[in-house]
Each structure stands twice: as C-alpha cells, then as structure tokens.
Amino acid sequence: MKRCLIIDDSRIIRRVAAKIMFELGFEAEEAENGKAALEAVRVHMPEVLIVDWDMPVMDGLAFTEEFRKLPGGARPLVIFCTADNEVDYIERALAAGANEYIMKPFDSEIVRSKLTILGALD
C-alpha cells in the first residue's frame, strides 16, 4: 500500500486528510509540524505528502525546502494545503518544491483530482 504523510498542526485536518487518503488507497501517517515530519521521512519515505503552510516549530515552506534536499526527497509528491490563496503563496510553495496546491477546506474530490493529475492514483 502506498504511504502518505499528512503534516498539519490541526489534529482535525490531519484526521480528515487521513480518512480521505485511506479511502483513496493510501496508508496515512501524521505529523504536527515540519520538524516532526522530517524525523518521520527519515524513517520511512512516503510517496505523497500533504503539507500545511502555517505551523509552529517548522512551517511547511521550510519543511519542503529541507525535505527536497534529503536522499530520496526529490521523488515523492508534495501537495501544499493552506487557506492562503494569494498567487505569491502558490508561487513560493511551488518554488520550494511543491507539486500541487489545494485550498482549505478541501474534500475527497479535490484531493482525488490533484492525485489523478499527478499520476498518483492507479
């Protein structure tokens, strides 16, 4: 089963995203900030990451920049997930290494469409 790491400081968002990803055929792991996520990916590299922008300890932008430098960090798909929809935010996320960008609140159809576009669904 493919693995997904959901990185968000909101427990509710992590649980909703985990449920959606499970329904799409992924095993989901959760991290509450970028620092915890870096520790998790060093243990097991997921195929997909859903990353919140605004988190304590280490935000999503800093995480993605560090993640992409790790051995094997260039391959997984990174989907940024945030309430900020300004073009500058989207451009910065993509420049840091994100493959796609979704807005909160999101639902299973939005996640499915992004994963389909990225070729992550069988």
PDB file of N, CA and C in Angstrom:
ATOM      1  N   MET A   1       0.848  -1.181   0.000  1.00  0.00           N
ATOM      2  CA  MET A   1       0.000   0.000   0.000  1.00  0.00           C
ATOM      3  C   MET A   1       0.892   1.242   0.000  1.00  0.00           C
ATOM      4  N   LYS A   2       0.533   2.221  -0.808  1.00  0.00           N
ATOM      5  CA  LYS A   2       1.268   3.481  -0.845  1.00  0.00           C
ATOM      6  C   LYS A   2       1.084   4.227   0.472  1.00  0.00           C
ATOM      7  N   ARG A   3       2.088   5.032   0.804  1.00  0.00           N
ATOM      8  CA  ARG A   3       2.048   5.781   2.059  1.00  0.00           C
ATOM      9  C   ARG A   3       1.937   7.280   1.795  1.00  0.00           C
ATOM     10  N   CYS A   4       1.237   7.942   2.707  1.00  0.00           N
ATOM     11  CA  CYS A   4       1.080   9.390   2.664  1.00  0.00           C
ATOM     12  C   CYS A   4       1.414   9.949   4.038  1.00  0.00           C
ATOM     13  N   LEU A   5       2.142  11.039   4.080  1.00  0.00           N
ATOM     14  CA  LEU A   5       2.412  11.738   5.330  1.00  0.00           C
ATOM     15  C   LEU A   5       1.635  13.047   5.304  1.00  0.00           C
ATOM     16  N   ILE A   6       0.806  13.255   6.324  1.00  0.00           N
ATOM     17  CA  ILE A   6      -0.010  14.459   6.433  1.00  0.00           C
ATOM     18  C   ILE A   6       0.606  15.320   7.527  1.00  0.00           C
ATOM     19  N   ILE A   7       1.003  16.526   7.150  1.00  0.00           N
ATOM     20  CA  ILE A   7       1.709  17.415   8.063  1.00  0.00           C
ATOM     21  C   ILE A   7       0.858  18.657   8.273  1.00  0.00           C
ATOM     22  N   ASP A   8       0.297  18.765   9.459  1.00  0.00           N
ATOM     23  CA  ASP A   8      -0.581  19.888   9.790  1.00  0.00           C
ATOM     24  C   ASP A   8      -0.650  20.002  11.298  1.00  0.00           C
ATOM     25  N   ASP A   9      -0.684  21.228  11.816  1.00  0.00           N
ATOM     26  CA  ASP A   9      -0.771  21.399  13.258  1.00  0.00           C
ATOM     27  C   ASP A   9      -2.183  21.175  13.789  1.00  0.00           C
ATOM     28  N   SER A  10      -3.159  21.100  12.914  1.00  0.00           N
ATOM     29  CA  SER A  10      -4.538  20.824  13.323  1.00  0.00           C
ATOM     30  C   SER A  10      -4.804  19.314  13.300  1.00  0.00           C
ATOM     31  N   ARG A  11      -5.120  18.781  14.462  1.00  0.00           N
ATOM     32  CA  ARG A  11      -5.427  17.349  14.560  1.00  0.00           C
ATOM     33  C   ARG A  11      -6.633  16.991  13.696  1.00  0.00           C
ATOM     34  N   ILE A  12      -7.621  17.875  13.658  1.00  0.00           N
ATOM     35  CA  ILE A  12      -8.837  17.618  12.879  1.00  0.00           C
ATOM     36  C   ILE A  12      -8.509  17.535  11.387  1.00  0.00           C
ATOM     37  N   ILE A  13      -7.712  18.473  10.889  1.00  0.00           N
ATOM     38  CA  ILE A  13      -7.327  18.441   9.474  1.00  0.00           C
ATOM     39  C   ILE A  13      -6.554  17.161   9.170  1.00  0.00           C
ATOM     40  N   ARG A  14      -5.635  16.785  10.065  1.00  0.00           N
ATOM     41  CA  ARG A  14      -4.869  15.554   9.839  1.00  0.00           C
ATOM     42  C   ARG A  14      -5.792  14.346   9.762  1.00  0.00           C
ATOM     43  N   ARG A  15      -6.770  14.271  10.640  1.00  0.00           N
ATOM     44  CA  ARG A  15      -7.693  13.129  10.646  1.00  0.00           C
ATOM     45  C   ARG A  15      -8.573  13.101   9.405  1.00  0.00           C
ATOM     46  N   VAL A  16      -9.082  14.251   8.997  1.00  0.00           N
ATOM     47  CA  VAL A  16      -9.910  14.318   7.783  1.00  0.00           C
ATOM     48  C   VAL A  16      -9.075  13.892   6.572  1.00  0.00           C
ATOM     49  N   ALA A  17      -7.864  14.441   6.459  1.00  0.00           N
ATOM     50  CA  ALA A  17      -6.995  14.089   5.333  1.00  0.00           C
ATOM     51  C   ALA A  17      -6.622  12.610   5.366  1.00  0.00           C
ATOM     52  N   ALA A  18      -6.363  12.074   6.554  1.00  0.00           N
ATOM     53  CA  ALA A  18      -6.015  10.648   6.675  1.00  0.00           C
ATOM     54  C   ALA A  18      -7.167   9.770   6.205  1.00  0.00           C
ATOM     55  N   LYS A  19      -8.383  10.145   6.555  1.00  0.00           N
ATOM     56  CA  LYS A  19      -9.563   9.378   6.123  1.00  0.00           C
ATOM     57  C   LYS A  19      -9.687   9.416   4.598  1.00  0.00           C
ATOM     58  N   ILE A  20      -9.527  10.596   4.028  1.00  0.00           N
ATOM     59  CA  ILE A  20      -9.608  10.729   2.572  1.00  0.00           C
ATOM     60  C   ILE A  20      -8.533   9.879   1.902  1.00  0.00           C
ATOM     61  N   MET A  21      -7.311   9.975   2.394  1.00  0.00           N
ATOM     62  CA  MET A  21      -6.214   9.231   1.776  1.00  0.00           C
ATOM     63  C   MET A  21      -6.415   7.723   1.920  1.00  0.00           C
ATOM     64  N   PHE A  22      -6.926   7.274   3.047  1.00  0.00           N
ATOM     65  CA  PHE A  22      -7.213   5.846   3.229  1.00  0.00           C
ATOM     66  C   PHE A  22      -8.239   5.381   2.201  1.00  0.00           C
ATOM     67  N   GLU A  23      -9.278   6.194   2.001  1.00  0.00           N
ATOM     68  CA  GLU A  23     -10.309   5.852   1.018  1.00  0.00           C
ATOM     69  C   GLU A  23      -9.750   5.816  -0.403  1.00  0.00           C
ATOM     70  N   LEU A  24      -8.644   6.532  -0.630  1.00  0.00           N
ATOM     71  CA  LEU A  24      -8.004   6.549  -1.952  1.00  0.00           C
ATOM     72  C   LEU A  24      -6.909   5.493  -2.080  1.00  0.00           C
ATOM     73  N   GLY A  25      -6.777   4.659  -1.049  1.00  0.00           N
ATOM     74  CA  GLY A  25      -5.837   3.546  -1.127  1.00  0.00           C
ATOM     75  C   GLY A  25      -4.465   3.796  -0.535  1.00  0.00           C
ATOM     76  N   PHE A  26      -4.346   4.786   0.325  1.00  0.00           N
ATOM     77  CA  PHE A  26      -3.071   5.103   0.952  1.00  0.00           C
ATOM     78  C   PHE A  26      -3.104   4.790   2.449  1.00  0.00           C
ATOM     79  N   GLU A  27      -1.968   4.360   2.951  1.00  0.00           N
ATOM     80  CA  GLU A  27      -1.764   4.279   4.391  1.00  0.00           C
ATOM     81  C   GLU A  27      -1.299   5.668   4.817  1.00  0.00           C
ATOM     82  N   ALA A  28      -1.929   6.258   5.825  1.00  0.00           N
ATOM     83  CA  ALA A  28      -1.613   7.623   6.224  1.00  0.00           C
ATOM     84  C   ALA A  28      -0.877   7.661   7.556  1.00  0.00           C
ATOM     85  N   GLU A  29       0.137   8.507   7.599  1.00  0.00           N
ATOM     86  CA  GLU A  29       0.860   8.815   8.823  1.00  0.00           C
ATOM     87  C   GLU A  29       0.689  10.312   9.048  1.00  0.00           C
ATOM     88  N   GLU A  30       0.789  10.744  10.301  1.00  0.00           N
ATOM     89  CA  GLU A  30       0.565  12.145  10.615  1.00  0.00           C
ATOM     90  C   GLU A  30       1.758  12.740  11.355  1.00  0.00           C
ATOM     91  N   ALA A  31       1.983  14.046  11.125  1.00  0.00           N
ATOM     92  CA  ALA A  31       2.981  14.815  11.862  1.00  0.00           C
ATOM     93  C   ALA A  31       2.396  16.196  12.137  1.00  0.00           C
ATOM     94  N   GLU A  32       2.684  16.739  13.310  1.00  0.00           N
ATOM     95  CA  GLU A  32       2.074  18.013  13.714  1.00  0.00           C
ATOM     96  C   GLU A  32       2.876  19.250  13.310  1.00  0.00           C
ATOM     97  N   ASN A  33       4.087  19.058  12.771  1.00  0.00           N
ATOM     98  CA  ASN A  33       4.883  20.189  12.289  1.00  0.00           C
ATOM     99  C   ASN A  33       5.995  19.661  11.387  1.00  0.00           C
ATOM    100  N   GLY A  34       6.702  20.589  10.764  1.00  0.00           N
ATOM    101  CA  GLY A  34       7.746  20.195   9.829  1.00  0.00           C
ATOM    102  C   GLY A  34       8.891  19.442  10.459  1.00  0.00           C
ATOM    103  N   LYS A  35       9.259  19.794  11.675  1.00  0.00           N
ATOM    104  CA  LYS A  35      10.359  19.101  12.344  1.00  0.00           C
ATOM    105  C   LYS A  35      10.009  17.634  12.587  1.00  0.00           C
ATOM    106  N   ALA A  36       8.805  17.394  13.110  1.00  0.00           N
ATOM    107  CA  ALA A  36       8.354  16.011  13.337  1.00  0.00           C
ATOM    108  C   ALA A  36       8.260  15.259  12.005  1.00  0.00           C
ATOM    109  N   ALA A  37       7.860  15.961  10.949  1.00  0.00           N
ATOM    110  CA  ALA A  37       7.751  15.332   9.628  1.00  0.00           C
ATOM    111  C   ALA A  37       9.117  14.933   9.081  1.00  0.00           C
ATOM    112  N   LEU A  38      10.138  15.774   9.284  1.00  0.00           N
ATOM    113  CA  LEU A  38      11.482  15.416   8.835  1.00  0.00           C
ATOM    114  C   LEU A  38      11.970  14.152   9.531  1.00  0.00           C
ATOM    115  N   GLU A  39      11.663  14.023  10.809  1.00  0.00           N
ATOM    116  CA  GLU A  39      12.029  12.806  11.540  1.00  0.00           C
ATOM    117  C   GLU A  39      11.302  11.599  10.953  1.00  0.00           C
ATOM    118  N   ALA A  40      10.026  11.776  10.626  1.00  0.00           N
ATOM    119  CA  ALA A  40       9.225  10.667  10.093  1.00  0.00           C
ATOM    120  C   ALA A  40       9.721  10.208   8.722  1.00  0.00           C
ATOM    121  N   VAL A  41      10.078  11.141   7.843  1.00  0.00           N
ATOM    122  CA  VAL A  41      10.503  10.744   6.499  1.00  0.00           C
ATOM    123  C   VAL A  41      11.883  10.097   6.501  1.00  0.00           C
ATOM    124  N   ARG A  42      12.656  10.377   7.516  1.00  0.00           N
ATOM    125  CA  ARG A  42      13.967   9.723   7.621  1.00  0.00           C
ATOM    126  C   ARG A  42      13.808   8.251   7.991  1.00  0.00           C
ATOM    127  N   VAL A  43      12.700   7.915   8.645  1.00  0.00           N
ATOM    128  CA  VAL A  43      12.402   6.521   8.995  1.00  0.00           C
ATOM    129  C   VAL A  43      11.785   5.798   7.816  1.00  0.00           C
ATOM    130  N   HIS A  44      10.825   6.430   7.166  1.00  0.00           N
ATOM    131  CA  HIS A  44      10.147   5.818   6.016  1.00  0.00           C
ATOM    132  C   HIS A  44       9.702   6.908   5.066  1.00  0.00           C
ATOM    133  N   MET A  45      10.187   6.864   3.842  1.00  0.00           N
ATOM    134  CA  MET A  45       9.871   7.864   2.828  1.00  0.00           C
ATOM    135  C   MET A  45       8.505   7.553   2.209  1.00  0.00           C
ATOM    136  N   PRO A  46       7.536   8.472   2.346  1.00  0.00           N
ATOM    137  CA  PRO A  46       6.214   8.252   1.746  1.00  0.00           C
ATOM    138  C   PRO A  46       6.217   8.573   0.249  1.00  0.00           C
ATOM    139  N   GLU A  47       5.176   8.165  -0.435  1.00  0.00           N
ATOM    140  CA  GLU A  47       5.015   8.504  -1.851  1.00  0.00           C
ATOM    141  C   GLU A  47       4.378   9.883  -2.035  1.00  0.00           C
ATOM    142  N   VAL A  48       3.541  10.283  -1.058  1.00  0.00           N
ATOM    143  CA  VAL A  48       2.813  11.554  -1.135  1.00  0.00           C
ATOM    144  C   VAL A  48       2.883  12.248   0.217  1.00  0.00           C
ATOM    145  N   LEU A  49       3.025  13.565   0.200  1.00  0.00           N
ATOM    146  CA  LEU A  49       2.979  14.372   1.410  1.00  0.00           C
ATOM    147  C   LEU A  49       1.959  15.472   1.217  1.00  0.00           C
ATOM    148  N   ILE A  50       1.119  15.678   2.213  1.00  0.00           N
ATOM    149  CA  ILE A  50       0.185  16.810   2.230  1.00  0.00           C
ATOM    150  C   ILE A  50       0.695  17.728   3.331  1.00  0.00           C
ATOM    151  N   VAL A  51       1.063  18.953   2.953  1.00  0.00           N
ATOM    152  CA  VAL A  51       1.808  19.836   3.846  1.00  0.00           C
ATOM    153  C   VAL A  51       1.061  21.154   4.065  1.00  0.00           C
ATOM    154  N   ASP A  52       0.776  21.454   5.322  1.00  0.00           N
ATOM    155  CA  ASP A  52       0.203  22.745   5.698  1.00  0.00           C
ATOM    156  C   ASP A  52       1.302  23.805   5.664  1.00  0.00           C
ATOM    157  N   TRP A  53       0.940  25.026   5.373  1.00  0.00           N
ATOM    158  CA  TRP A  53       1.927  26.101   5.332  1.00  0.00           C
ATOM    159  C   TRP A  53       2.258  26.596   6.734  1.00  0.00           C
ATOM    160  N   ASP A  54       1.255  27.031   7.469  1.00  0.00           N
ATOM    161  CA  ASP A  54       1.452  27.742   8.735  1.00  0.00           C
ATOM    162  C   ASP A  54       1.398  26.779   9.921  1.00  0.00           C
ATOM    163  N   MET A  55       2.586  26.440  10.451  1.00  0.00           N
ATOM    164  CA  MET A  55       2.690  25.532  11.608  1.00  0.00           C
ATOM    165  C   MET A  55       3.766  26.043  12.546  1.00  0.00           C
ATOM    166  N   PRO A  56       3.654  25.727  13.827  1.00  0.00           N
ATOM    167  CA  PRO A  56       4.722  26.082  14.760  1.00  0.00           C
ATOM    168  C   PRO A  56       5.947  25.178  14.559  1.00  0.00           C
ATOM    169  N   VAL A  57       7.031  25.520  15.174  1.00  0.00           N
ATOM    170  CA  VAL A  57       8.301  24.785  15.168  1.00  0.00           C
ATOM    171  C   VAL A  57       8.981  24.889  13.805  1.00  0.00           C
ATOM    172  N   MET A  58       8.361  24.342  12.751  1.00  0.00           N
ATOM    173  CA  MET A  58       8.879  24.456  11.388  1.00  0.00           C
ATOM    174  C   MET A  58       7.687  24.495  10.442  1.00  0.00           C
ATOM    175  N   ASP A  59       7.576  25.580   9.669  1.00  0.00           N
ATOM    176  CA  ASP A  59       6.428  25.706   8.768  1.00  0.00           C
ATOM    177  C   ASP A  59       6.596  24.836   7.523  1.00  0.00           C
ATOM    178  N   GLY A  60       5.555  24.779   6.735  1.00  0.00           N
ATOM    179  CA  GLY A  60       5.545  23.908   5.566  1.00  0.00           C
ATOM    180  C   GLY A  60       6.543  24.294   4.496  1.00  0.00           C
ATOM    181  N   LEU A  61       6.784  25.579   4.334  1.00  0.00           N
ATOM    182  CA  LEU A  61       7.742  26.030   3.329  1.00  0.00           C
ATOM    183  C   LEU A  61       9.157  25.581   3.711  1.00  0.00           C
ATOM    184  N   ALA A  62       9.553  25.818   4.961  1.00  0.00           N
ATOM    185  CA  ALA A  62      10.882  25.396   5.425  1.00  0.00           C
ATOM    186  C   ALA A  62      11.006  23.873   5.360  1.00  0.00           C
ATOM    187  N   PHE A  63       9.941  23.165   5.741  1.00  0.00           N
ATOM    188  CA  PHE A  63       9.972  21.711   5.669  1.00  0.00           C
ATOM    189  C   PHE A  63      10.226  21.238   4.236  1.00  0.00           C
ATOM    190  N   THR A  64       9.460  21.776   3.299  1.00  0.00           N
ATOM    191  CA  THR A  64       9.571  21.321   1.909  1.00  0.00           C
ATOM    192  C   THR A  64      10.962  21.584   1.350  1.00  0.00           C
ATOM    193  N   GLU A  65      11.521  22.736   1.650  1.00  0.00           N
ATOM    194  CA  GLU A  65      12.876  23.038   1.185  1.00  0.00           C
ATOM    195  C   GLU A  65      13.885  22.032   1.746  1.00  0.00           C
ATOM    196  N   GLU A  66      13.773  21.710   3.027  1.00  0.00           N
ATOM    197  CA  GLU A  66      14.684  20.739   3.656  1.00  0.00           C
ATOM    198  C   GLU A  66      14.412  19.322   3.152  1.00  0.00           C
ATOM    199  N   PHE A  67      13.148  18.983   3.011  1.00  0.00           N
ATOM    200  CA  PHE A  67      12.758  17.654   2.554  1.00  0.00           C
ATOM    201  C   PHE A  67      13.327  17.350   1.173  1.00  0.00           C
ATOM    202  N   ARG A  68      13.238  18.298   0.268  1.00  0.00           N
ATOM    203  CA  ARG A  68      13.704  18.085  -1.109  1.00  0.00           C
ATOM    204  C   ARG A  68      15.220  17.862  -1.172  1.00  0.00           C
ATOM    205  N   LYS A  69      15.963  18.266  -0.148  1.00  0.00           N
ATOM    206  CA  LYS A  69      17.415  18.063  -0.092  1.00  0.00           C
ATOM    207  C   LYS A  69      17.802  16.679   0.412  1.00  0.00           C
ATOM    208  N   LEU A  70      16.867  15.956   1.034  1.00  0.00           N
ATOM    209  CA  LEU A  70      17.159  14.641   1.609  1.00  0.00           C
ATOM    210  C   LEU A  70      17.373  13.591   0.512  1.00  0.00           C
ATOM    211  N   PRO A  71      18.163  12.557   0.797  1.00  0.00           N
ATOM    212  CA  PRO A  71      18.259  11.442  -0.156  1.00  0.00           C
ATOM    213  C   PRO A  71      16.861  10.853  -0.395  1.00  0.00           C
ATOM    214  N   GLY A  72      16.441  10.790  -1.630  1.00  0.00           N
ATOM    215  CA  GLY A  72      15.112  10.287  -1.975  1.00  0.00           C
ATOM    216  C   GLY A  72      14.020  11.338  -1.863  1.00  0.00           C
ATOM    217  N   GLY A  73      14.346  12.543  -1.406  1.00  0.00           N
ATOM    218  CA  GLY A  73      13.340  13.590  -1.206  1.00  0.00           C
ATOM    219  C   GLY A  73      12.860  14.267  -2.477  1.00  0.00           C
ATOM    220  N   ALA A  74      13.517  14.011  -3.578  1.00  0.00           N
ATOM    221  CA  ALA A  74      13.085  14.624  -4.842  1.00  0.00           C
ATOM    222  C   ALA A  74      11.923  13.879  -5.487  1.00  0.00           C
ATOM    223  N   ARG A  75      11.759  12.610  -5.153  1.00  0.00           N
ATOM    224  CA  ARG A  75      10.773  11.755  -5.824  1.00  0.00           C
ATOM    225  C   ARG A  75       9.339  11.908  -5.318  1.00  0.00           C
ATOM    226  N   PRO A  76       9.071  11.939  -4.013  1.00  0.00           N
ATOM    227  CA  PRO A  76       7.675  11.975  -3.550  1.00  0.00           C
ATOM    228  C   PRO A  76       6.924  13.229  -4.009  1.00  0.00           C
ATOM    229  N   LEU A  77       5.626  13.088  -4.102  1.00  0.00           N
ATOM    230  CA  LEU A  77       4.763  14.201  -4.472  1.00  0.00           C
ATOM    231  C   LEU A  77       4.432  15.015  -3.228  1.00  0.00           C
ATOM    232  N   VAL A  78       4.555  16.333  -3.336  1.00  0.00           N
ATOM    233  CA  VAL A  78       4.235  17.241  -2.237  1.00  0.00           C
ATOM    234  C   VAL A  78       3.062  18.106  -2.668  1.00  0.00           C
ATOM    235  N   ILE A  79       1.991  18.036  -1.876  1.00  0.00           N
ATOM    236  CA  ILE A  79       0.807  18.858  -2.115  1.00  0.00           C
ATOM    237  C   ILE A  79       0.676  19.820  -0.943  1.00  0.00           C
ATOM    238  N   PHE A  80       0.801  21.124  -1.221  1.00  0.00           N
ATOM    239  CA  PHE A  80       0.615  22.127  -0.187  1.00  0.00           C
ATOM    240  C   PHE A  80      -0.871  22.292   0.064  1.00  0.00           C
ATOM    241  N   CYS A  81      -1.235  22.502   1.314  1.00  0.00           N
ATOM    242  CA  CYS A  81      -2.636  22.632   1.712  1.00  0.00           C
ATOM    243  C   CYS A  81      -2.727  23.794   2.691  1.00  0.00           C
ATOM    244  N   THR A  82      -3.389  24.861   2.287  1.00  0.00           N
ATOM    245  CA  THR A  82      -3.474  26.034   3.148  1.00  0.00           C
ATOM    246  C   THR A  82      -4.703  26.868   2.814  1.00  0.00           C
ATOM    247  N   ALA A  83      -5.025  27.785   3.706  1.00  0.00           N
ATOM    248  CA  ALA A  83      -6.154  28.686   3.489  1.00  0.00           C
ATOM    249  C   ALA A  83      -5.739  29.913   2.680  1.00  0.00           C
ATOM    250  N   ASP A  84      -4.444  30.118   2.508  1.00  0.00           N
ATOM    251  CA  ASP A  84      -3.953  31.275   1.753  1.00  0.00           C
ATOM    252  C   ASP A  84      -4.024  30.983   0.261  1.00  0.00           C
ATOM    253  N   ASN A  85      -4.718  31.856  -0.474  1.00  0.00           N
ATOM    254  CA  ASN A  85      -4.869  31.615  -1.907  1.00  0.00           C
ATOM    255  C   ASN A  85      -4.235  32.705  -2.764  1.00  0.00           C
ATOM    256  N   GLU A  86      -3.364  33.504  -2.170  1.00  0.00           N
ATOM    257  CA  GLU A  86      -2.697  34.549  -2.934  1.00  0.00           C
ATOM    258  C   GLU A  86      -1.677  33.916  -3.878  1.00  0.00           C
ATOM    259  N   VAL A  87      -1.534  34.490  -5.057  1.00  0.00           N
ATOM    260  CA  VAL A  87      -0.635  33.957  -6.071  1.00  0.00           C
ATOM    261  C   VAL A  87       0.789  33.853  -5.530  1.00  0.00           C
ATOM    262  N   ASP A  88       1.209  34.828  -4.729  1.00  0.00           N
ATOM    263  CA  ASP A  88       2.556  34.806  -4.160  1.00  0.00           C
ATOM    264  C   ASP A  88       2.798  33.545  -3.327  1.00  0.00           C
ATOM    265  N   TYR A  89       1.802  33.138  -2.537  1.00  0.00           N
ATOM    266  CA  TYR A  89       1.933  31.931  -1.723  1.00  0.00           C
ATOM    267  C   TYR A  89       2.079  30.691  -2.609  1.00  0.00           C
ATOM    268  N   ILE A  90       1.260  30.614  -3.626  1.00  0.00           N
ATOM    269  CA  ILE A  90       1.311  29.463  -4.523  1.00  0.00           C
ATOM    270  C   ILE A  90       2.668  29.399  -5.224  1.00  0.00           C
ATOM    271  N   GLU A  91       3.132  30.532  -5.708  1.00  0.00           N
ATOM    272  CA  GLU A  91       4.432  30.568  -6.381  1.00  0.00           C
ATOM    273  C   GLU A  91       5.562  30.163  -5.438  1.00  0.00           C
ATOM    274  N   ARG A  92       5.523  30.645  -4.198  1.00  0.00           N
ATOM    275  CA  ARG A  92       6.565  30.303  -3.226  1.00  0.00           C
ATOM    276  C   ARG A  92       6.542  28.820  -2.885  1.00  0.00           C
ATOM    277  N   ALA A  93       5.346  28.242  -2.746  1.00  0.00           N
ATOM    278  CA  ALA A  93       5.236  26.807  -2.452  1.00  0.00           C
ATOM    279  C   ALA A  93       5.793  25.978  -3.601  1.00  0.00           C
ATOM    280  N   LEU A  94       5.459  26.338  -4.826  1.00  0.00           N
ATOM    281  CA  LEU A  94       5.955  25.604  -5.991  1.00  0.00           C
ATOM    282  C   LEU A  94       7.471  25.766  -6.133  1.00  0.00           C
ATOM    283  N   ALA A  95       7.980  26.956  -5.855  1.00  0.00           N
ATOM    284  CA  ALA A  95       9.422  27.191  -5.922  1.00  0.00           C
ATOM    285  C   ALA A  95      10.171  26.383  -4.860  1.00  0.00           C
ATOM    286  N   ALA A  96       9.530  26.137  -3.721  1.00  0.00           N
ATOM    287  CA  ALA A  96      10.158  25.360  -2.648  1.00  0.00           C
ATOM    288  C   ALA A  96      10.163  23.865  -2.956  1.00  0.00           C
ATOM    289  N   GLY A  97       9.357  23.444  -3.938  1.00  0.00           N
ATOM    290  CA  GLY A  97       9.349  22.034  -4.308  1.00  0.00           C
ATOM    291  C   GLY A  97       8.002  21.356  -4.276  1.00  0.00           C
ATOM    292  N   ALA A  98       6.935  22.116  -4.022  1.00  0.00           N
ATOM    293  CA  ALA A  98       5.597  21.515  -4.052  1.00  0.00           C
ATOM    294  C   ALA A  98       5.220  21.165  -5.487  1.00  0.00           C
ATOM    295  N   ASN A  99       4.475  20.067  -5.642  1.00  0.00           N
ATOM    296  CA  ASN A  99       3.989  19.661  -6.959  1.00  0.00           C
ATOM    297  C   ASN A  99       2.608  20.229  -7.263  1.00  0.00           C
ATOM    298  N   GLU A 100       1.829  20.454  -6.211  1.00  0.00           N
ATOM    299  CA  GLU A 100       0.459  20.958  -6.368  1.00  0.00           C
ATOM    300  C   GLU A 100       0.082  21.749  -5.124  1.00  0.00           C
ATOM    301  N   TYR A 101      -1.101  22.355  -5.163  1.00  0.00           N
ATOM    302  CA  TYR A 101      -1.556  23.262  -4.117  1.00  0.00           C
ATOM    303  C   TYR A 101      -3.063  23.108  -3.986  1.00  0.00           C
ATOM    304  N   ILE A 102      -3.554  22.836  -2.782  1.00  0.00           N
ATOM    305  CA  ILE A 102      -5.006  22.783  -2.557  1.00  0.00           C
ATOM    306  C   ILE A 102      -5.378  23.743  -1.437  1.00  0.00           C
ATOM    307  N   MET A 103      -6.605  24.210  -1.508  1.00  0.00           N
ATOM    308  CA  MET A 103      -7.107  25.179  -0.533  1.00  0.00           C
ATOM    309  C   MET A 103      -7.933  24.496   0.544  1.00  0.00           C
ATOM    310  N   LYS A 104      -7.812  25.000   1.768  1.00  0.00           N
ATOM    311  CA  LYS A 104      -8.698  24.578   2.850  1.00  0.00           C
ATOM    312  C   LYS A 104      -9.947  25.437   2.752  1.00  0.00           C
ATOM    313  N   PRO A 105     -11.111  24.903   2.999  1.00  0.00           N
ATOM    314  CA  PRO A 105     -11.364  23.487   3.261  1.00  0.00           C
ATOM    315  C   PRO A 105     -11.338  22.686   1.956  1.00  0.00           C
ATOM    316  N   PHE A 106     -10.974  21.433   2.057  1.00  0.00           N
ATOM    317  CA  PHE A 106     -10.903  20.562   0.891  1.00  0.00           C
ATOM    318  C   PHE A 106     -11.766  19.335   1.150  1.00  0.00           C
ATOM    319  N   ASP A 107     -12.057  18.606   0.091  1.00  0.00           N
ATOM    320  CA  ASP A 107     -12.825  17.371   0.233  1.00  0.00           C
ATOM    321  C   ASP A 107     -12.156  16.272  -0.589  1.00  0.00           C
ATOM    322  N   SER A 108     -12.738  15.101  -0.563  1.00  0.00           N
ATOM    323  CA  SER A 108     -12.112  13.960  -1.235  1.00  0.00           C
ATOM    324  C   SER A 108     -12.011  14.156  -2.742  1.00  0.00           C
ATOM    325  N   GLU A 109     -12.968  14.835  -3.353  1.00  0.00           N
ATOM    326  CA  GLU A 109     -12.917  15.042  -4.799  1.00  0.00           C
ATOM    327  C   GLU A 109     -11.759  15.958  -5.195  1.00  0.00           C
ATOM    328  N   ILE A 110     -11.496  16.970  -4.392  1.00  0.00           N
ATOM    329  CA  ILE A 110     -10.371  17.858  -4.671  1.00  0.00           C
ATOM    330  C   ILE A 110      -9.057  17.085  -4.562  1.00  0.00           C
ATOM    331  N   VAL A 111      -8.905  16.319  -3.491  1.00  0.00           N
ATOM    332  CA  VAL A 111      -7.682  15.538  -3.293  1.00  0.00           C
ATOM    333  C   VAL A 111      -7.539  14.504  -4.407  1.00  0.00           C
ATOM    334  N   ARG A 112      -8.607  13.816  -4.729  1.00  0.00           N
ATOM    335  CA  ARG A 112      -8.578  12.822  -5.804  1.00  0.00           C
ATOM    336  C   ARG A 112      -8.159  13.463  -7.125  1.00  0.00           C
ATOM    337  N   SER A 113      -8.705  14.630  -7.440  1.00  0.00           N
ATOM    338  CA  SER A 113      -8.366  15.271  -8.716  1.00  0.00           C
ATOM    339  C   SER A 113      -6.892  15.654  -8.773  1.00  0.00           C
ATOM    340  N   LYS A 114      -6.350  16.163  -7.679  1.00  0.00           N
ATOM    341  CA  LYS A 114      -4.923  16.523  -7.662  1.00  0.00           C
ATOM    342  C   LYS A 114      -4.049  15.280  -7.792  1.00  0.00           C
ATOM    343  N   LEU A 115      -4.385  14.222  -7.091  1.00  0.00           N
ATOM    344  CA  LEU A 115      -3.613  12.978  -7.176  1.00  0.00           C
ATOM    345  C   LEU A 115      -3.707  12.356  -8.574  1.00  0.00           C
ATOM    346  N   THR A 116      -4.860  12.493  -9.205  1.00  0.00           N
ATOM    347  CA  THR A 116      -5.024  11.991 -10.571  1.00  0.00           C
ATOM    348  C   THR A 116      -4.155  12.791 -11.531  1.00  0.00           C
ATOM    349  N   ILE A 117      -4.181  14.110 -11.405  1.00  0.00           N
ATOM    350  CA  ILE A 117      -3.348  14.967 -12.249  1.00  0.00           C
ATOM    351  C   ILE A 117      -1.877  14.606 -12.106  1.00  0.00           C
ATOM    352  N   LEU A 118      -1.466  14.313 -10.869  1.00  0.00           N
ATOM    353  CA  LEU A 118      -0.055  13.988 -10.590  1.00  0.00           C
ATOM    354  C   LEU A 118       0.307  12.541 -10.920  1.00  0.00           C
ATOM    355  N   GLY A 119      -0.685  11.729 -11.286  1.00  0.00           N
ATOM    356  CA  GLY A 119      -0.419  10.338 -11.650  1.00  0.00           C
ATOM    357  C   GLY A 119      -0.198   9.429 -10.447  1.00  0.00           C
ATOM    358  N   ALA A 120      -0.726   9.807  -9.292  1.00  0.00           N
ATOM    359  CA  ALA A 120      -0.506   9.015  -8.068  1.00  0.00           C
ATOM    360  C   ALA A 120      -1.581   7.974  -7.808  1.00  0.00           C
ATOM    361  N   LEU A 121      -2.649   7.998  -8.571  1.00  0.00           N
ATOM    362  CA  LEU A 121      -3.716   7.006  -8.383  1.00  0.00           C
ATOM    363  C   LEU A 121      -3.657   5.980  -9.493  1.00  0.00           C
ATOM    364  N   ASP A 122      -3.866   4.732  -9.126  1.00  0.00           N
ATOM    365  CA  ASP A 122      -3.846   3.634 -10.099  1.00  0.00           C
ATOM    366  C   ASP A 122      -5.127   3.572 -10.891  1.00  0.00           C
TER     367      ASP A 122
END
